[in-house]
Amino acid sequence: MLENTLFAAIALVFILEGLLPFAFPELWRRMMSEAVTLSEKQLRLMGLFSVAIGLGMLLIFN
């Protein structure tokens, strides 16, 4: 059961990651070109916030 849940979670990540470039390719391209200019510290901070939001959502909705 745990393996199925893990694979489902990974599949959802792929689906969500693909939605923006599929629906709004020009916006996605601009966002990626701006992300390249960010410092390593800024990227890590964004990653930390993303992890924190995801963990918070798991705690609230699970």
PDB file of N, CA and C in Angstrom:
ATOM      1  N   MET A   1       0.830  -1.196   0.000  1.00  0.00           N
ATOM      2  CA  MET A   1       0.000   0.000   0.000  1.00  0.00           C
ATOM      3  C   MET A   1       0.873   1.258   0.000  1.00  0.00           C
ATOM      4  N   LEU A   2       1.941   1.265   0.773  1.00  0.00           N
ATOM      5  CA  LEU A   2       2.823   2.428   0.822  1.00  0.00           C
ATOM      6  C   LEU A   2       3.448   2.702  -0.540  1.00  0.00           C
ATOM      7  N   GLU A   3       3.829   1.632  -1.248  1.00  0.00           N
ATOM      8  CA  GLU A   3       4.428   1.817  -2.571  1.00  0.00           C
ATOM      9  C   GLU A   3       3.439   2.468  -3.529  1.00  0.00           C
ATOM     10  N   ASN A   4       2.184   2.040  -3.490  1.00  0.00           N
ATOM     11  CA  ASN A   4       1.159   2.628  -4.359  1.00  0.00           C
ATOM     12  C   ASN A   4       0.955   4.108  -4.058  1.00  0.00           C
ATOM     13  N   THR A   5       0.945   4.450  -2.788  1.00  0.00           N
ATOM     14  CA  THR A   5       0.773   5.843  -2.393  1.00  0.00           C
ATOM     15  C   THR A   5       1.956   6.677  -2.844  1.00  0.00           C
ATOM     16  N   LEU A   6       3.159   6.141  -2.699  1.00  0.00           N
ATOM     17  CA  LEU A   6       4.356   6.859  -3.122  1.00  0.00           C
ATOM     18  C   LEU A   6       4.354   7.086  -4.632  1.00  0.00           C
ATOM     19  N   PHE A   7       4.024   6.056  -5.392  1.00  0.00           N
ATOM     20  CA  PHE A   7       3.975   6.202  -6.847  1.00  0.00           C
ATOM     21  C   PHE A   7       2.877   7.176  -7.268  1.00  0.00           C
ATOM     22  N   ALA A   8       1.749   7.156  -6.572  1.00  0.00           N
ATOM     23  CA  ALA A   8       0.672   8.096  -6.886  1.00  0.00           C
ATOM     24  C   ALA A   8       1.121   9.528  -6.593  1.00  0.00           C
ATOM     25  N   ALA A   9       1.844   9.730  -5.507  1.00  0.00           N
ATOM     26  CA  ALA A   9       2.338  11.065  -5.167  1.00  0.00           C
ATOM     27  C   ALA A   9       3.339  11.553  -6.211  1.00  0.00           C
ATOM     28  N   ILE A  10       4.232  10.690  -6.638  1.00  0.00           N
ATOM     29  CA  ILE A  10       5.211  11.061  -7.662  1.00  0.00           C
ATOM     30  C   ILE A  10       4.511  11.368  -8.981  1.00  0.00           C
ATOM     31  N   ALA A  11       3.503  10.573  -9.325  1.00  0.00           N
ATOM     32  CA  ALA A  11       2.747  10.825 -10.555  1.00  0.00           C
ATOM     33  C   ALA A  11       2.052  12.183 -10.497  1.00  0.00           C
ATOM     34  N   LEU A  12       1.493  12.530  -9.344  1.00  0.00           N
ATOM     35  CA  LEU A  12       0.839  13.831  -9.206  1.00  0.00           C
ATOM     36  C   LEU A  12       1.835  14.976  -9.346  1.00  0.00           C
ATOM     37  N   VAL A  13       3.052  14.792  -8.850  1.00  0.00           N
ATOM     38  CA  VAL A  13       4.084  15.817  -9.019  1.00  0.00           C
ATOM     39  C   VAL A  13       4.363  16.033 -10.502  1.00  0.00           C
ATOM     40  N   PHE A  14       4.507  14.950 -11.248  1.00  0.00           N
ATOM     41  CA  PHE A  14       4.737  15.077 -12.694  1.00  0.00           C
ATOM     42  C   PHE A  14       3.569  15.781 -13.377  1.00  0.00           C
ATOM     43  N   ILE A  15       2.365  15.439 -13.002  1.00  0.00           N
ATOM     44  CA  ILE A  15       1.184  16.064 -13.603  1.00  0.00           C
ATOM     45  C   ILE A  15       1.170  17.558 -13.303  1.00  0.00           C
ATOM     46  N   LEU A  16       1.367  17.925 -12.051  1.00  0.00           N
ATOM     47  CA  LEU A  16       1.338  19.336 -11.676  1.00  0.00           C
ATOM     48  C   LEU A  16       2.488  20.116 -12.298  1.00  0.00           C
ATOM     49  N   GLU A  17       3.664  19.501 -12.366  1.00  0.00           N
ATOM     50  CA  GLU A  17       4.814  20.166 -12.983  1.00  0.00           C
ATOM     51  C   GLU A  17       4.601  20.381 -14.482  1.00  0.00           C
ATOM     52  N   GLY A  18       3.842  19.523 -15.114  1.00  0.00           N
ATOM     53  CA  GLY A  18       3.613  19.640 -16.546  1.00  0.00           C
ATOM     54  C   GLY A  18       2.475  20.560 -16.933  1.00  0.00           C
ATOM     55  N   LEU A  19       1.617  20.902 -15.990  1.00  0.00           N
ATOM     56  CA  LEU A  19       0.458  21.728 -16.315  1.00  0.00           C
ATOM     57  C   LEU A  19       0.840  23.128 -16.776  1.00  0.00           C
ATOM     58  N   LEU A  20       1.767  23.774 -16.092  1.00  0.00           N
ATOM     59  CA  LEU A  20       2.106  25.148 -16.441  1.00  0.00           C
ATOM     60  C   LEU A  20       2.747  25.263 -17.820  1.00  0.00           C
ATOM     61  N   PRO A  21       3.792  24.465 -18.135  1.00  0.00           N
ATOM     62  CA  PRO A  21       4.339  24.593 -19.488  1.00  0.00           C
ATOM     63  C   PRO A  21       3.355  24.172 -20.577  1.00  0.00           C
ATOM     64  N   PHE A  22       2.445  23.277 -20.268  1.00  0.00           N
ATOM     65  CA  PHE A  22       1.455  22.861 -21.257  1.00  0.00           C
ATOM     66  C   PHE A  22       0.432  23.970 -21.510  1.00  0.00           C
ATOM     67  N   ALA A  23      -0.073  24.561 -20.436  1.00  0.00           N
ATOM     68  CA  ALA A  23      -1.140  25.550 -20.562  1.00  0.00           C
ATOM     69  C   ALA A  23      -0.621  26.946 -20.906  1.00  0.00           C
ATOM     70  N   PHE A  24       0.539  27.305 -20.354  1.00  0.00           N
ATOM     71  CA  PHE A  24       1.079  28.659 -20.537  1.00  0.00           C
ATOM     72  C   PHE A  24       2.578  28.587 -20.845  1.00  0.00           C
ATOM     73  N   PRO A  25       2.946  28.128 -22.032  1.00  0.00           N
ATOM     74  CA  PRO A  25       4.371  27.925 -22.327  1.00  0.00           C
ATOM     75  C   PRO A  25       5.203  29.205 -22.284  1.00  0.00           C
ATOM     76  N   GLU A  26       4.641  30.322 -22.729  1.00  0.00           N
ATOM     77  CA  GLU A  26       5.425  31.572 -22.719  1.00  0.00           C
ATOM     78  C   GLU A  26       5.659  32.060 -21.288  1.00  0.00           C
ATOM     79  N   LEU A  27       4.656  31.991 -20.450  1.00  0.00           N
ATOM     80  CA  LEU A  27       4.805  32.356 -19.038  1.00  0.00           C
ATOM     81  C   LEU A  27       5.839  31.466 -18.365  1.00  0.00           C
ATOM     82  N   TRP A  28       5.765  30.171 -18.638  1.00  0.00           N
ATOM     83  CA  TRP A  28       6.711  29.222 -18.046  1.00  0.00           C
ATOM     84  C   TRP A  28       8.138  29.542 -18.496  1.00  0.00           C
ATOM     85  N   ARG A  29       8.317  29.866 -19.753  1.00  0.00           N
ATOM     86  CA  ARG A  29       9.638  30.206 -20.282  1.00  0.00           C
ATOM     87  C   ARG A  29      10.204  31.445 -19.592  1.00  0.00           C
ATOM     88  N   ARG A  30       9.356  32.457 -19.405  1.00  0.00           N
ATOM     89  CA  ARG A  30       9.810  33.676 -18.717  1.00  0.00           C
ATOM     90  C   ARG A  30      10.165  33.392 -17.261  1.00  0.00           C
ATOM     91  N   MET A  31       9.357  32.571 -16.597  1.00  0.00           N
ATOM     92  CA  MET A  31       9.642  32.223 -15.203  1.00  0.00           C
ATOM     93  C   MET A  31      10.960  31.471 -15.081  1.00  0.00           C
ATOM     94  N   MET A  32      11.214  30.552 -15.999  1.00  0.00           N
ATOM     95  CA  MET A  32      12.463  29.782 -15.955  1.00  0.00           C
ATOM     96  C   MET A  32      13.670  30.667 -16.239  1.00  0.00           C
ATOM     97  N   SER A  33      13.533  31.611 -17.167  1.00  0.00           N
ATOM     98  CA  SER A  33      14.663  32.494 -17.457  1.00  0.00           C
ATOM     99  C   SER A  33      14.951  33.414 -16.273  1.00  0.00           C
ATOM    100  N   GLU A  34      13.926  33.807 -15.535  1.00  0.00           N
ATOM    101  CA  GLU A  34      14.143  34.603 -14.326  1.00  0.00           C
ATOM    102  C   GLU A  34      14.713  33.756 -13.201  1.00  0.00           C
ATOM    103  N   ALA A  35      14.316  32.501 -13.114  1.00  0.00           N
ATOM    104  CA  ALA A  35      14.825  31.614 -12.062  1.00  0.00           C
ATOM    105  C   ALA A  35      16.332  31.387 -12.217  1.00  0.00           C
ATOM    106  N   VAL A  36      16.815  31.399 -13.444  1.00  0.00           N
ATOM    107  CA  VAL A  36      18.246  31.187 -13.691  1.00  0.00           C
ATOM    108  C   VAL A  36      19.067  32.326 -13.088  1.00  0.00           C
ATOM    109  N   THR A  37      18.486  33.509 -13.005  1.00  0.00           N
ATOM    110  CA  THR A  37      19.226  34.658 -12.493  1.00  0.00           C
ATOM    111  C   THR A  37      19.240  34.735 -10.969  1.00  0.00           C
ATOM    112  N   LEU A  38      18.450  33.909 -10.295  1.00  0.00           N
ATOM    113  CA  LEU A  38      18.397  33.938  -8.833  1.00  0.00           C
ATOM    114  C   LEU A  38      19.673  33.350  -8.234  1.00  0.00           C
ATOM    115  N   SER A  39      20.006  33.832  -7.057  1.00  0.00           N
ATOM    116  CA  SER A  39      21.170  33.293  -6.360  1.00  0.00           C
ATOM    117  C   SER A  39      20.835  31.920  -5.772  1.00  0.00           C
ATOM    118  N   GLU A  40      21.882  31.210  -5.391  1.00  0.00           N
ATOM    119  CA  GLU A  40      21.671  29.886  -4.778  1.00  0.00           C
ATOM    120  C   GLU A  40      20.875  30.013  -3.490  1.00  0.00           C
ATOM    121  N   LYS A  41      21.132  31.053  -2.720  1.00  0.00           N
ATOM    122  CA  LYS A  41      20.409  31.267  -1.468  1.00  0.00           C
ATOM    123  C   LYS A  41      18.922  31.487  -1.727  1.00  0.00           C
ATOM    124  N   GLN A  42      18.601  32.290  -2.757  1.00  0.00           N
ATOM    125  CA  GLN A  42      17.201  32.544  -3.086  1.00  0.00           C
ATOM    126  C   GLN A  42      16.505  31.263  -3.547  1.00  0.00           C
ATOM    127  N   LEU A  43      17.191  30.456  -4.351  1.00  0.00           N
ATOM    128  CA  LEU A  43      16.606  29.196  -4.812  1.00  0.00           C
ATOM    129  C   LEU A  43      16.368  28.241  -3.656  1.00  0.00           C
ATOM    130  N   ARG A  44      17.334  28.171  -2.743  1.00  0.00           N
ATOM    131  CA  ARG A  44      17.161  27.299  -1.573  1.00  0.00           C
ATOM    132  C   ARG A  44      15.995  27.765  -0.703  1.00  0.00           C
ATOM    133  N   LEU A  45      15.850  29.071  -0.544  1.00  0.00           N
ATOM    134  CA  LEU A  45      14.752  29.609   0.247  1.00  0.00           C
ATOM    135  C   LEU A  45      13.409  29.277  -0.398  1.00  0.00           C
ATOM    136  N   MET A  46      13.336  29.402  -1.717  1.00  0.00           N
ATOM    137  CA  MET A  46      12.110  29.027  -2.425  1.00  0.00           C
ATOM    138  C   MET A  46      11.811  27.540  -2.237  1.00  0.00           C
ATOM    139  N   GLY A  47      12.846  26.711  -2.310  1.00  0.00           N
ATOM    140  CA  GLY A  47      12.666  25.282  -2.088  1.00  0.00           C
ATOM    141  C   GLY A  47      12.185  24.982  -0.682  1.00  0.00           C
ATOM    142  N   LEU A  48      12.749  25.676   0.296  1.00  0.00           N
ATOM    143  CA  LEU A  48      12.333  25.483   1.688  1.00  0.00           C
ATOM    144  C   LEU A  48      10.873  25.855   1.879  1.00  0.00           C
ATOM    145  N   PHE A  49      10.454  26.990   1.305  1.00  0.00           N
ATOM    146  CA  PHE A  49       9.053  27.394   1.410  1.00  0.00           C
ATOM    147  C   PHE A  49       8.142  26.381   0.725  1.00  0.00           C
ATOM    148  N   SER A  50       8.573  25.861  -0.394  1.00  0.00           N
ATOM    149  CA  SER A  50       7.773  24.874  -1.109  1.00  0.00           C
ATOM    150  C   SER A  50       7.598  23.609  -0.273  1.00  0.00           C
ATOM    151  N   VAL A  51       8.679  23.151   0.337  1.00  0.00           N
ATOM    152  CA  VAL A  51       8.608  21.967   1.209  1.00  0.00           C
ATOM    153  C   VAL A  51       7.699  22.246   2.398  1.00  0.00           C
ATOM    154  N   ALA A  52       7.842  23.419   3.012  1.00  0.00           N
ATOM    155  CA  ALA A  52       7.022  23.765   4.176  1.00  0.00           C
ATOM    156  C   ALA A  52       5.537  23.825   3.815  1.00  0.00           C
ATOM    157  N   ILE A  53       5.226  24.400   2.667  1.00  0.00           N
ATOM    158  CA  ILE A  53       3.827  24.466   2.236  1.00  0.00           C
ATOM    159  C   ILE A  53       3.283  23.068   1.989  1.00  0.00           C
ATOM    160  N   GLY A  54       4.067  22.222   1.329  1.00  0.00           N
ATOM    161  CA  GLY A  54       3.640  20.852   1.080  1.00  0.00           C
ATOM    162  C   GLY A  54       3.421  20.063   2.353  1.00  0.00           C
ATOM    163  N   LEU A  55       4.344  20.203   3.319  1.00  0.00           N
ATOM    164  CA  LEU A  55       4.169  19.512   4.594  1.00  0.00           C
ATOM    165  C   LEU A  55       2.944  20.028   5.346  1.00  0.00           C
ATOM    166  N   GLY A  56       2.750  21.342   5.309  1.00  0.00           N
ATOM    167  CA  GLY A  56       1.569  21.914   5.956  1.00  0.00           C
ATOM    168  C   GLY A  56       0.269  21.396   5.344  1.00  0.00           C
ATOM    169  N   MET A  57       0.253  21.301   4.033  1.00  0.00           N
ATOM    170  CA  MET A  57      -0.936  20.780   3.360  1.00  0.00           C
ATOM    171  C   MET A  57      -1.187  19.330   3.733  1.00  0.00           C
ATOM    172  N   LEU A  58      -0.111  18.548   3.822  1.00  0.00           N
ATOM    173  CA  LEU A  58      -0.275  17.140   4.235  1.00  0.00           C
ATOM    174  C   LEU A  58      -0.844  17.044   5.646  1.00  0.00           C
ATOM    175  N   LEU A  59      -0.349  17.885   6.532  1.00  0.00           N
ATOM    176  CA  LEU A  59      -0.837  17.842   7.910  1.00  0.00           C
ATOM    177  C   LEU A  59      -2.296  18.274   7.994  1.00  0.00           C
ATOM    178  N   ILE A  60      -2.675  19.256   7.223  1.00  0.00           N
ATOM    179  CA  ILE A  60      -4.052  19.766   7.290  1.00  0.00           C
ATOM    180  C   ILE A  60      -5.045  18.823   6.616  1.00  0.00           C
ATOM    181  N   PHE A  61      -4.695  18.327   5.435  1.00  0.00           N
ATOM    182  CA  PHE A  61      -5.666  17.572   4.637  1.00  0.00           C
ATOM    183  C   PHE A  61      -5.558  16.071   4.762  1.00  0.00           C
ATOM    184  N   ASN A  62      -4.636  15.575   5.541  1.00  0.00           N
ATOM    185  CA  ASN A  62      -4.493  14.122   5.628  1.00  0.00           C
ATOM    186  C   ASN A  62      -4.879  13.608   6.977  1.00  0.00           C
TER     187      ASN A  62
END
